[in-house]
Amino acid sequence: MDPMTEATRKDLVPLGRNGQYNILWSARFASELGSELAFLGFPLLVIATSGSAWELGVVTAVFSAAQMIAMLPAGILADRWNRARLMITCEIMRFVAIGSLAVAIALDSYEFWHLAVVAALEGGLAAVFAPAEDAVLPRLVPTPQLGAAIARNTSRTYIATLLGPALGGILFAVDRVLPFTVDAVLLIASAFVLLFLRVPAVSVESTAELNDEELDASDPVGRGRQLFDDLLGGWRWVVGHRPIRTTMIWIFATQFVFSALLIVVLVRAGEENTTPGEIGLMMTCYGVGGLLGSLAAEAIHARIRAGTTVVWFSWIIIVPVAVMSVMPPGIPLGLTLGLVGFCVPAAFTSIVTYQLTNTPDHLRGRLSSVSGAIVGLAGTLGPLTAGALVASGTGVDPILALSGALVVVAVFATSNRSMRNLVSH
């Protein structure tokens, strides 16, 4: 390690005492916890009011579609607007939407169309918030601490994912309005905390920042062309920057396999007549493993070069996934899932840290939106592929097939010089 870098590290204020980072972390945690309450509350409300499978499918699809549609323009907004104000605006708009639903439920005037509109706003505005947060993070945290900050952000997400469904279920059991009321309170609290966020005008890691062309409001054709160019800007950056492009391919492949794997595991559990409680415990093991892995990721990232971490992860993860093919559903399979979940955060921390530190500030929002779109696409294709594998009747174990796919990913990571040479700190 460079001695100057080591000296710089010793002079840094500990991340736990970085007030601006803690403001961002706390606001985002409240936002994510609220999202988990809403994501569970939407289907529970449909089941409690109409029990319609059609309505249940529509509200879930509307939420997901709004996220996907909003993802790409979200990057442009994050790169062109004041990012702190954008996040505050998103939280206030979400507060109004969720609050209106809570009022309607309390007044016994709930209508399904209202829920569908709120679900669309919740999904879309959450998608707009995410790139703004990702893009502002490197301005608040010095480069040597960025990996640690990303690891802590990952643990925040796992905590919200573990707490949200349990809390939402308890609140809904008490009164169906409570999950949405608490969500609204969390959102306005997030917006209030963000009022104290002060983002430095110049990125802390001294990355050269390029200025986009100013939009000419008097030239609508030119303005439209510039906005279209902005929309493609993130994709051009990813395609044109070989190491970034390589990391995106790796992210897509691993996300594709993991999303397919979870579906296969759930299907197998159903075929083995596993109880709902055991299935829930299996998924909890996966979440707890991810949380513990995110806590360990900070130390791993500080000690091991990014490329080495990714290559090691790509090979190590094959073993527990392959072992799952012979594990019976229930606790044994859940513990194996937990091991898989533990391994994931360190590699993703290294990848995301590299991407943010090697992307100009004026493109970070669009980079985040491209990454989100890629993850969303993989998360859509993975389950579809899993369903096809299970229904194919070829006699090939779907888990072993996915293990084979991970071997391909590992060979790709090992043989690719850009991936092996990743350095994010």
Protein backbone atom coordinates (compact mmCIF):
# COMPACT_ATOMS: atom_id res chain seq x y z
CA MET A 1 0.00 0.00 0.00
CA ASP A 2 1.18 3.52 -0.80
CA PRO A 3 2.74 5.08 2.39
CA MET A 4 1.08 8.41 1.65
CA THR A 5 -2.27 6.67 1.40
CA GLU A 6 -1.62 4.95 4.73
CA ALA A 7 -0.72 8.29 6.35
CA THR A 8 -3.84 9.85 4.91
CA ARG A 9 -5.95 7.04 6.36
CA LYS A 10 -4.58 7.68 9.84
CA ASP A 11 -5.52 11.37 9.62
CA LEU A 12 -9.12 10.72 8.57
CA VAL A 13 -12.03 11.36 10.90
CA PRO A 14 -13.63 7.98 11.75
CA LEU A 15 -16.66 7.26 9.64
CA GLY A 16 -18.85 6.99 12.72
CA ARG A 17 -18.03 10.64 13.51
CA ASN A 18 -18.68 11.92 9.98
CA GLY A 19 -21.85 13.88 10.72
CA GLN A 20 -22.91 14.39 7.10
CA TYR A 21 -22.53 10.70 6.26
CA ASN A 22 -24.53 9.76 9.36
CA ILE A 23 -27.30 12.17 8.33
CA LEU A 24 -27.49 10.48 4.92
CA TRP A 25 -27.35 6.99 6.45
CA SER A 26 -30.09 7.73 8.99
CA ALA A 27 -32.39 9.37 6.44
CA ARG A 28 -31.98 6.49 4.02
CA PHE A 29 -32.57 3.91 6.75
CA ALA A 30 -35.88 5.56 7.66
CA SER A 31 -36.78 5.64 3.96
CA GLU A 32 -35.88 1.98 3.37
CA LEU A 33 -37.72 0.81 6.48
CA GLY A 34 -40.78 2.72 5.31
CA SER A 35 -40.50 1.13 1.87
CA GLU A 36 -40.48 -2.33 3.46
CA LEU A 37 -43.63 -1.48 5.42
CA ALA A 38 -45.37 -0.30 2.26
CA PHE A 39 -44.20 -3.21 0.13
CA LEU A 40 -45.77 -5.65 2.62
CA GLY A 41 -48.75 -3.42 3.39
CA PHE A 42 -49.93 -3.17 -0.23
CA PRO A 43 -50.66 -6.90 -0.72
CA LEU A 44 -51.97 -7.29 2.83
CA LEU A 45 -54.46 -4.48 2.18
CA VAL A 46 -55.67 -6.14 -1.02
CA ILE A 47 -56.07 -9.48 0.75
CA ALA A 48 -57.96 -7.86 3.64
CA THR A 49 -60.33 -5.85 1.44
CA SER A 50 -61.09 -7.84 -1.70
CA GLY A 51 -58.86 -10.91 -1.70
CA SER A 52 -58.60 -10.48 -5.46
CA ALA A 53 -55.64 -12.23 -7.06
CA TRP A 54 -55.99 -9.87 -10.03
CA GLU A 55 -55.70 -6.78 -7.82
CA LEU A 56 -52.76 -8.34 -5.99
CA GLY A 57 -50.96 -8.93 -9.29
CA VAL A 58 -51.76 -5.44 -10.57
CA VAL A 59 -50.49 -3.57 -7.52
CA THR A 60 -47.26 -5.59 -7.46
CA ALA A 61 -46.72 -5.12 -11.20
CA VAL A 62 -47.46 -1.37 -10.99
CA PHE A 63 -44.93 -0.95 -8.19
CA SER A 64 -42.21 -2.85 -10.08
CA ALA A 65 -42.97 -1.22 -13.43
CA ALA A 66 -42.81 2.27 -11.91
CA GLN A 67 -39.39 1.47 -10.47
CA MET A 68 -38.08 0.25 -13.83
CA ILE A 69 -39.53 3.18 -15.80
CA ALA A 70 -38.22 5.79 -13.36
CA MET A 71 -34.75 4.29 -13.04
CA LEU A 72 -33.08 5.76 -16.15
CA PRO A 73 -34.41 9.34 -16.01
CA ALA A 74 -33.63 9.23 -12.27
CA GLY A 75 -29.94 9.25 -13.13
CA ILE A 76 -30.32 12.39 -15.23
CA LEU A 77 -32.17 14.13 -12.40
CA ALA A 78 -29.45 13.15 -9.94
CA ASP A 79 -26.74 14.53 -12.24
CA ARG A 80 -28.52 17.76 -13.20
CA TRP A 81 -30.35 18.81 -10.04
CA ASN A 82 -29.27 19.55 -6.50
CA ARG A 83 -29.09 16.02 -5.12
CA ALA A 84 -30.02 16.86 -1.54
CA ARG A 85 -33.11 18.79 -2.68
CA LEU A 86 -34.04 15.96 -5.02
CA MET A 87 -33.97 13.45 -2.17
CA ILE A 88 -36.03 15.75 0.07
CA THR A 89 -38.57 16.28 -2.71
CA CYS A 90 -38.91 12.53 -3.24
CA GLU A 91 -39.51 11.92 0.47
CA ILE A 92 -42.11 14.68 0.75
CA MET A 93 -43.99 13.41 -2.31
CA ARG A 94 -43.91 9.86 -0.96
CA PHE A 95 -45.17 11.17 2.39
CA VAL A 96 -48.12 12.86 0.68
CA ALA A 97 -48.95 9.73 -1.32
CA ILE A 98 -48.69 7.25 1.56
CA GLY A 99 -50.36 9.70 3.93
CA SER A 100 -53.34 10.07 1.60
CA LEU A 101 -53.76 6.29 1.59
CA ALA A 102 -53.59 6.16 5.39
CA VAL A 103 -56.26 8.87 5.62
CA ALA A 104 -58.48 7.03 3.14
CA ILE A 105 -58.20 3.80 5.13
CA ALA A 106 -58.89 5.60 8.41
CA LEU A 107 -61.99 7.27 6.91
CA ASP A 108 -63.16 3.97 5.40
CA SER A 109 -63.04 5.48 1.89
CA TYR A 110 -60.35 3.23 0.44
CA GLU A 111 -60.53 2.44 -3.30
CA PHE A 112 -58.25 0.11 -5.24
CA TRP A 113 -57.38 2.73 -7.87
CA HIS A 114 -56.03 4.89 -5.03
CA LEU A 115 -53.77 2.06 -3.89
CA ALA A 116 -52.52 1.49 -7.45
CA VAL A 117 -51.61 5.18 -7.84
CA VAL A 118 -49.82 5.23 -4.49
CA ALA A 119 -47.92 2.04 -5.39
CA ALA A 120 -46.77 3.64 -8.66
CA LEU A 121 -45.62 6.80 -6.87
CA GLU A 122 -43.89 4.80 -4.13
CA GLY A 123 -41.99 2.67 -6.64
CA GLY A 124 -41.08 5.54 -8.95
CA LEU A 125 -40.01 8.03 -6.29
CA ALA A 126 -37.93 5.43 -4.45
CA ALA A 127 -36.16 4.74 -7.74
CA VAL A 128 -35.43 8.46 -8.18
CA PHE A 129 -34.07 8.75 -4.62
CA ALA A 130 -31.51 5.93 -4.98
CA PRO A 131 -29.20 7.40 -7.69
CA ALA A 132 -29.13 10.75 -5.90
CA GLU A 133 -27.96 9.05 -2.70
CA ASP A 134 -25.37 6.95 -4.54
CA ALA A 135 -24.01 9.97 -6.40
CA VAL A 136 -23.75 12.18 -3.31
CA LEU A 137 -21.97 9.58 -1.16
CA PRO A 138 -18.44 10.13 -2.58
CA ARG A 139 -18.79 13.86 -1.85
CA LEU A 140 -19.39 13.17 1.83
CA VAL A 141 -16.88 10.37 2.38
CA PRO A 142 -13.14 10.46 1.55
CA THR A 143 -12.07 7.83 -0.98
CA PRO A 144 -10.17 5.63 1.53
CA GLN A 145 -13.39 5.29 3.56
CA LEU A 146 -15.80 4.86 0.65
CA GLY A 147 -15.69 1.06 0.76
CA ALA A 148 -16.48 1.10 4.48
CA ALA A 149 -19.40 3.48 3.85
CA ILE A 150 -20.81 1.25 1.12
CA ALA A 151 -20.50 -1.80 3.39
CA ARG A 152 -22.39 0.05 6.14
CA ASN A 153 -25.04 1.09 3.63
CA THR A 154 -25.43 -2.56 2.66
CA SER A 155 -25.91 -3.55 6.30
CA ARG A 156 -28.53 -0.80 6.59
CA THR A 157 -30.50 -2.36 3.74
CA TYR A 158 -30.34 -5.83 5.31
CA ILE A 159 -31.49 -4.45 8.67
CA ALA A 160 -34.47 -2.73 7.04
CA THR A 161 -35.29 -5.89 5.07
CA LEU A 162 -35.23 -8.01 8.21
CA LEU A 163 -37.15 -5.58 10.43
CA GLY A 164 -39.66 -4.19 7.91
CA PRO A 165 -41.77 -7.28 7.11
CA ALA A 166 -41.97 -8.38 10.74
CA LEU A 167 -42.92 -4.88 11.93
CA GLY A 168 -45.35 -4.43 9.06
CA GLY A 169 -47.11 -7.69 9.82
CA ILE A 170 -47.50 -6.82 13.50
CA LEU A 171 -48.77 -3.32 12.75
CA PHE A 172 -51.27 -4.56 10.17
CA ALA A 173 -52.56 -7.17 12.62
CA VAL A 174 -53.29 -4.39 15.11
CA ASP A 175 -54.90 -2.05 12.55
CA ARG A 176 -54.60 -2.04 8.77
CA VAL A 177 -53.89 1.72 8.74
CA LEU A 178 -50.83 1.47 11.00
CA PRO A 179 -48.18 0.28 8.48
CA PHE A 180 -48.97 3.21 6.22
CA THR A 181 -49.15 5.69 9.09
CA VAL A 182 -45.75 4.62 10.40
CA ASP A 183 -44.38 4.69 6.84
CA ALA A 184 -45.58 8.28 6.44
CA VAL A 185 -43.95 9.27 9.73
CA LEU A 186 -40.66 7.66 8.66
CA LEU A 187 -40.73 9.46 5.32
CA ILE A 188 -41.32 12.92 6.77
CA ALA A 189 -38.62 12.19 9.36
CA SER A 190 -36.25 11.27 6.53
CA ALA A 191 -37.04 14.52 4.72
CA PHE A 192 -36.51 16.52 7.93
CA VAL A 193 -33.12 14.91 8.60
CA LEU A 194 -32.03 15.59 5.01
CA LEU A 195 -32.63 19.31 5.56
CA PHE A 196 -29.39 19.27 7.57
CA LEU A 197 -27.37 17.60 4.82
CA ARG A 198 -24.57 19.81 3.48
CA VAL A 199 -22.95 18.48 0.33
CA PRO A 200 -19.51 19.92 -0.56
CA ALA A 201 -19.43 21.71 -3.91
CA VAL A 202 -16.31 19.78 -4.97
CA SER A 203 -15.99 15.98 -4.67
CA VAL A 204 -13.66 15.00 -1.85
CA GLU A 205 -11.53 12.62 -3.91
CA SER A 206 -10.47 15.37 -6.36
CA THR A 207 -12.03 13.63 -9.34
CA ALA A 208 -12.06 15.93 -12.35
CA GLU A 209 -15.62 17.03 -12.89
CA LEU A 210 -16.77 17.74 -16.41
CA ASN A 211 -19.56 20.21 -17.12
CA ASP A 212 -22.45 19.21 -19.34
CA GLU A 213 -23.74 21.63 -21.94
CA GLU A 214 -26.35 23.99 -20.59
CA LEU A 215 -29.87 23.39 -21.83
CA ASP A 216 -31.32 26.19 -23.92
CA ALA A 217 -34.98 26.56 -22.96
CA SER A 218 -35.64 28.60 -26.13
CA ASP A 219 -34.60 25.67 -28.35
CA PRO A 220 -36.98 22.79 -27.60
CA VAL A 221 -35.49 20.58 -30.33
CA GLY A 222 -31.97 21.09 -29.05
CA ARG A 223 -33.18 20.63 -25.50
CA GLY A 224 -34.86 17.35 -26.38
CA ARG A 225 -31.73 16.16 -28.16
CA GLN A 226 -29.58 17.09 -25.16
CA LEU A 227 -31.91 15.28 -22.75
CA PHE A 228 -31.77 12.19 -24.99
CA ASP A 229 -27.98 12.41 -25.01
CA ASP A 230 -28.06 12.68 -21.21
CA LEU A 231 -30.22 9.56 -21.04
CA LEU A 232 -27.64 7.67 -23.08
CA GLY A 233 -24.69 9.23 -21.26
CA GLY A 234 -24.59 6.65 -18.50
CA TRP A 235 -24.78 3.78 -20.96
CA ARG A 236 -22.03 5.31 -23.10
CA TRP A 237 -19.83 5.61 -20.04
CA VAL A 238 -20.41 1.98 -19.05
CA VAL A 239 -19.86 0.62 -22.57
CA GLY A 240 -16.85 2.83 -23.26
CA HIS A 241 -15.01 2.22 -19.97
CA ARG A 242 -13.73 -1.35 -20.11
CA PRO A 243 -13.35 -2.06 -16.35
CA ILE A 244 -16.76 -0.50 -15.60
CA ARG A 245 -18.29 -2.53 -18.43
CA THR A 246 -16.68 -5.68 -17.05
CA THR A 247 -18.06 -5.07 -13.55
CA MET A 248 -21.55 -4.54 -14.96
CA ILE A 249 -21.38 -7.85 -16.81
CA TRP A 250 -20.32 -9.56 -13.59
CA ILE A 251 -23.12 -7.88 -11.62
CA PHE A 252 -25.73 -8.94 -14.18
CA ALA A 253 -24.51 -12.54 -14.22
CA THR A 254 -24.34 -12.98 -10.44
CA GLN A 255 -27.66 -11.22 -9.84
CA PHE A 256 -29.26 -13.40 -12.54
CA VAL A 257 -28.03 -16.59 -10.85
CA PHE A 258 -28.96 -15.55 -7.31
CA SER A 259 -32.47 -14.40 -8.25
CA ALA A 260 -33.01 -17.69 -10.08
CA LEU A 261 -31.56 -19.67 -7.17
CA LEU A 262 -34.01 -18.22 -4.63
CA ILE A 263 -36.96 -19.18 -6.84
CA VAL A 264 -35.66 -22.73 -7.29
CA VAL A 265 -35.19 -23.05 -3.53
CA LEU A 266 -38.74 -21.85 -2.86
CA VAL A 267 -40.19 -24.20 -5.47
CA ARG A 268 -38.25 -27.15 -4.03
CA ALA A 269 -39.44 -26.25 -0.53
CA GLY A 270 -43.03 -26.27 -1.79
CA GLU A 271 -42.59 -29.64 -3.47
CA GLU A 272 -41.24 -31.06 -0.21
CA ASN A 273 -44.27 -29.72 1.71
CA THR A 274 -42.10 -27.43 3.82
CA THR A 275 -44.19 -25.40 6.25
CA PRO A 276 -44.56 -21.64 5.73
CA GLY A 277 -42.75 -21.09 9.02
CA GLU A 278 -39.75 -23.09 7.85
CA ILE A 279 -39.70 -21.27 4.52
CA GLY A 280 -39.77 -17.95 6.36
CA LEU A 281 -36.91 -19.12 8.57
CA MET A 282 -34.90 -20.12 5.49
CA MET A 283 -35.28 -16.64 4.02
CA THR A 284 -34.43 -15.11 7.39
CA CYS A 285 -31.19 -17.13 7.43
CA TYR A 286 -30.33 -15.65 4.05
CA GLY A 287 -30.99 -12.14 5.33
CA VAL A 288 -29.03 -12.65 8.54
CA GLY A 289 -26.14 -14.09 6.53
CA GLY A 290 -26.19 -11.01 4.31
CA LEU A 291 -26.23 -8.71 7.33
CA LEU A 292 -23.25 -10.46 8.93
CA GLY A 293 -21.47 -10.45 5.58
CA SER A 294 -22.00 -6.70 5.19
CA LEU A 295 -20.53 -6.14 8.66
CA ALA A 296 -17.48 -8.20 7.68
CA ALA A 297 -17.21 -6.55 4.24
CA GLU A 298 -15.70 -3.37 5.69
CA ALA A 299 -12.71 -5.25 7.12
CA ILE A 300 -12.32 -7.41 4.03
CA HIS A 301 -12.39 -4.40 1.73
CA ALA A 302 -9.75 -2.61 3.81
CA ARG A 303 -7.33 -5.55 3.66
CA ILE A 304 -7.82 -7.24 0.28
CA ARG A 305 -7.61 -5.69 -3.16
CA ALA A 306 -10.95 -5.37 -4.96
CA GLY A 307 -10.04 -7.62 -7.89
CA THR A 308 -8.79 -10.36 -5.57
CA THR A 309 -11.98 -10.19 -3.50
CA VAL A 310 -14.20 -10.53 -6.56
CA VAL A 311 -12.23 -13.44 -8.04
CA TRP A 312 -12.11 -15.31 -4.72
CA PHE A 313 -15.82 -14.76 -4.15
CA SER A 314 -16.64 -15.98 -7.66
CA TRP A 315 -14.99 -19.34 -6.92
CA ILE A 316 -15.86 -19.77 -3.25
CA ILE A 317 -19.60 -19.21 -3.75
CA ILE A 318 -19.83 -22.21 -6.11
CA VAL A 319 -19.35 -24.69 -3.25
CA PRO A 320 -22.30 -23.77 -0.99
CA VAL A 321 -24.60 -23.34 -4.00
CA ALA A 322 -23.70 -26.80 -5.31
CA VAL A 323 -24.15 -28.30 -1.82
CA MET A 324 -27.70 -26.91 -1.76
CA SER A 325 -28.65 -29.49 -4.41
CA VAL A 326 -28.45 -32.25 -1.77
CA MET A 327 -29.67 -30.25 1.23
CA PRO A 328 -33.22 -30.95 2.47
CA PRO A 329 -35.49 -27.89 2.74
CA GLY A 330 -35.70 -26.36 6.18
CA ILE A 331 -32.95 -25.43 8.62
CA PRO A 332 -30.05 -27.16 6.77
CA LEU A 333 -30.90 -25.44 3.50
CA GLY A 334 -31.51 -22.17 5.34
CA LEU A 335 -28.06 -22.27 6.92
CA THR A 336 -26.50 -22.92 3.51
CA LEU A 337 -28.46 -19.98 2.12
CA GLY A 338 -27.12 -17.92 5.00
CA LEU A 339 -23.56 -18.84 4.00
CA VAL A 340 -24.29 -17.72 0.44
CA GLY A 341 -25.74 -14.47 1.77
CA PHE A 342 -22.66 -13.93 3.93
CA CYS A 343 -20.33 -14.14 0.94
CA VAL A 344 -22.16 -11.63 -1.27
CA PRO A 345 -21.59 -8.18 0.38
CA ALA A 346 -17.76 -8.16 0.29
CA ALA A 347 -17.63 -8.66 -3.48
CA PHE A 348 -20.40 -6.16 -4.19
CA THR A 349 -18.78 -3.60 -1.87
CA SER A 350 -15.55 -3.89 -3.87
CA ILE A 351 -17.38 -3.58 -7.19
CA VAL A 352 -19.53 -0.56 -6.23
CA THR A 353 -16.60 1.23 -4.60
CA TYR A 354 -14.54 0.81 -7.75
CA GLN A 355 -17.39 2.09 -9.92
CA LEU A 356 -18.01 5.21 -7.84
CA THR A 357 -14.34 6.14 -7.40
CA ASN A 358 -13.63 5.77 -11.12
CA THR A 359 -16.68 7.60 -12.47
CA PRO A 360 -16.74 11.43 -12.80
CA ASP A 361 -19.11 13.11 -10.38
CA HIS A 362 -21.36 14.44 -13.15
CA LEU A 363 -22.04 10.86 -14.33
CA ARG A 364 -22.48 9.09 -10.99
CA GLY A 365 -26.25 9.44 -10.91
CA ARG A 366 -26.56 7.91 -14.37
CA LEU A 367 -24.07 5.18 -13.45
CA SER A 368 -26.30 4.26 -10.52
CA SER A 369 -29.40 4.21 -12.71
CA VAL A 370 -27.69 1.98 -15.29
CA SER A 371 -26.60 -0.38 -12.53
CA GLY A 372 -30.12 -0.40 -11.13
CA ALA A 373 -31.58 -1.17 -14.55
CA ILE A 374 -29.12 -4.03 -15.04
CA VAL A 375 -29.92 -5.48 -11.62
CA GLY A 376 -33.64 -5.11 -12.34
CA LEU A 377 -33.30 -6.88 -15.68
CA ALA A 378 -31.32 -9.71 -14.11
CA GLY A 379 -33.87 -9.93 -11.30
CA THR A 380 -36.62 -10.32 -13.90
CA LEU A 381 -34.91 -12.82 -16.20
CA GLY A 382 -33.51 -14.94 -13.36
CA PRO A 383 -36.86 -16.07 -11.93
CA LEU A 384 -38.25 -16.66 -15.43
CA THR A 385 -35.26 -18.88 -16.21
CA ALA A 386 -35.67 -20.67 -12.89
CA GLY A 387 -39.29 -21.43 -13.72
CA ALA A 388 -38.28 -22.77 -17.13
CA LEU A 389 -35.56 -24.96 -15.59
CA VAL A 390 -37.95 -26.44 -13.03
CA ALA A 391 -40.68 -27.06 -15.62
CA SER A 392 -38.38 -28.40 -18.34
CA GLY A 393 -38.44 -31.98 -17.08
CA THR A 394 -34.98 -32.66 -18.54
CA GLY A 395 -33.75 -34.37 -15.39
CA VAL A 396 -31.06 -31.75 -14.84
CA ASP A 397 -31.01 -30.45 -11.27
CA PRO A 398 -31.71 -26.69 -11.56
CA ILE A 399 -29.39 -25.92 -8.64
CA LEU A 400 -26.53 -27.81 -10.27
CA ALA A 401 -27.27 -25.97 -13.53
CA LEU A 402 -27.00 -22.66 -11.68
CA SER A 403 -23.78 -23.87 -10.05
CA GLY A 404 -22.45 -24.47 -13.56
CA ALA A 405 -23.40 -20.91 -14.47
CA LEU A 406 -21.40 -19.68 -11.48
CA VAL A 407 -18.39 -21.63 -12.74
CA VAL A 408 -18.67 -19.67 -15.99
CA VAL A 409 -18.82 -16.42 -14.00
CA ALA A 410 -15.74 -17.44 -12.00
CA VAL A 411 -13.79 -18.29 -15.15
CA PHE A 412 -14.80 -14.93 -16.62
CA ALA A 413 -13.63 -13.04 -13.51
CA THR A 414 -10.36 -14.97 -13.33
CA SER A 415 -9.47 -14.69 -17.01
CA ASN A 416 -10.42 -11.02 -17.38
CA ARG A 417 -7.45 -8.77 -16.67
CA SER A 418 -9.65 -5.74 -15.99
CA MET A 419 -11.49 -7.65 -13.29
CA ARG A 420 -8.35 -9.09 -11.69
CA ASN A 421 -6.70 -5.66 -11.56
CA LEU A 422 -9.59 -3.75 -9.94
CA VAL A 423 -8.33 -1.38 -7.26
CA SER A 424 -10.95 0.62 -5.35
CA HIS A 425 -8.92 2.04 -2.47
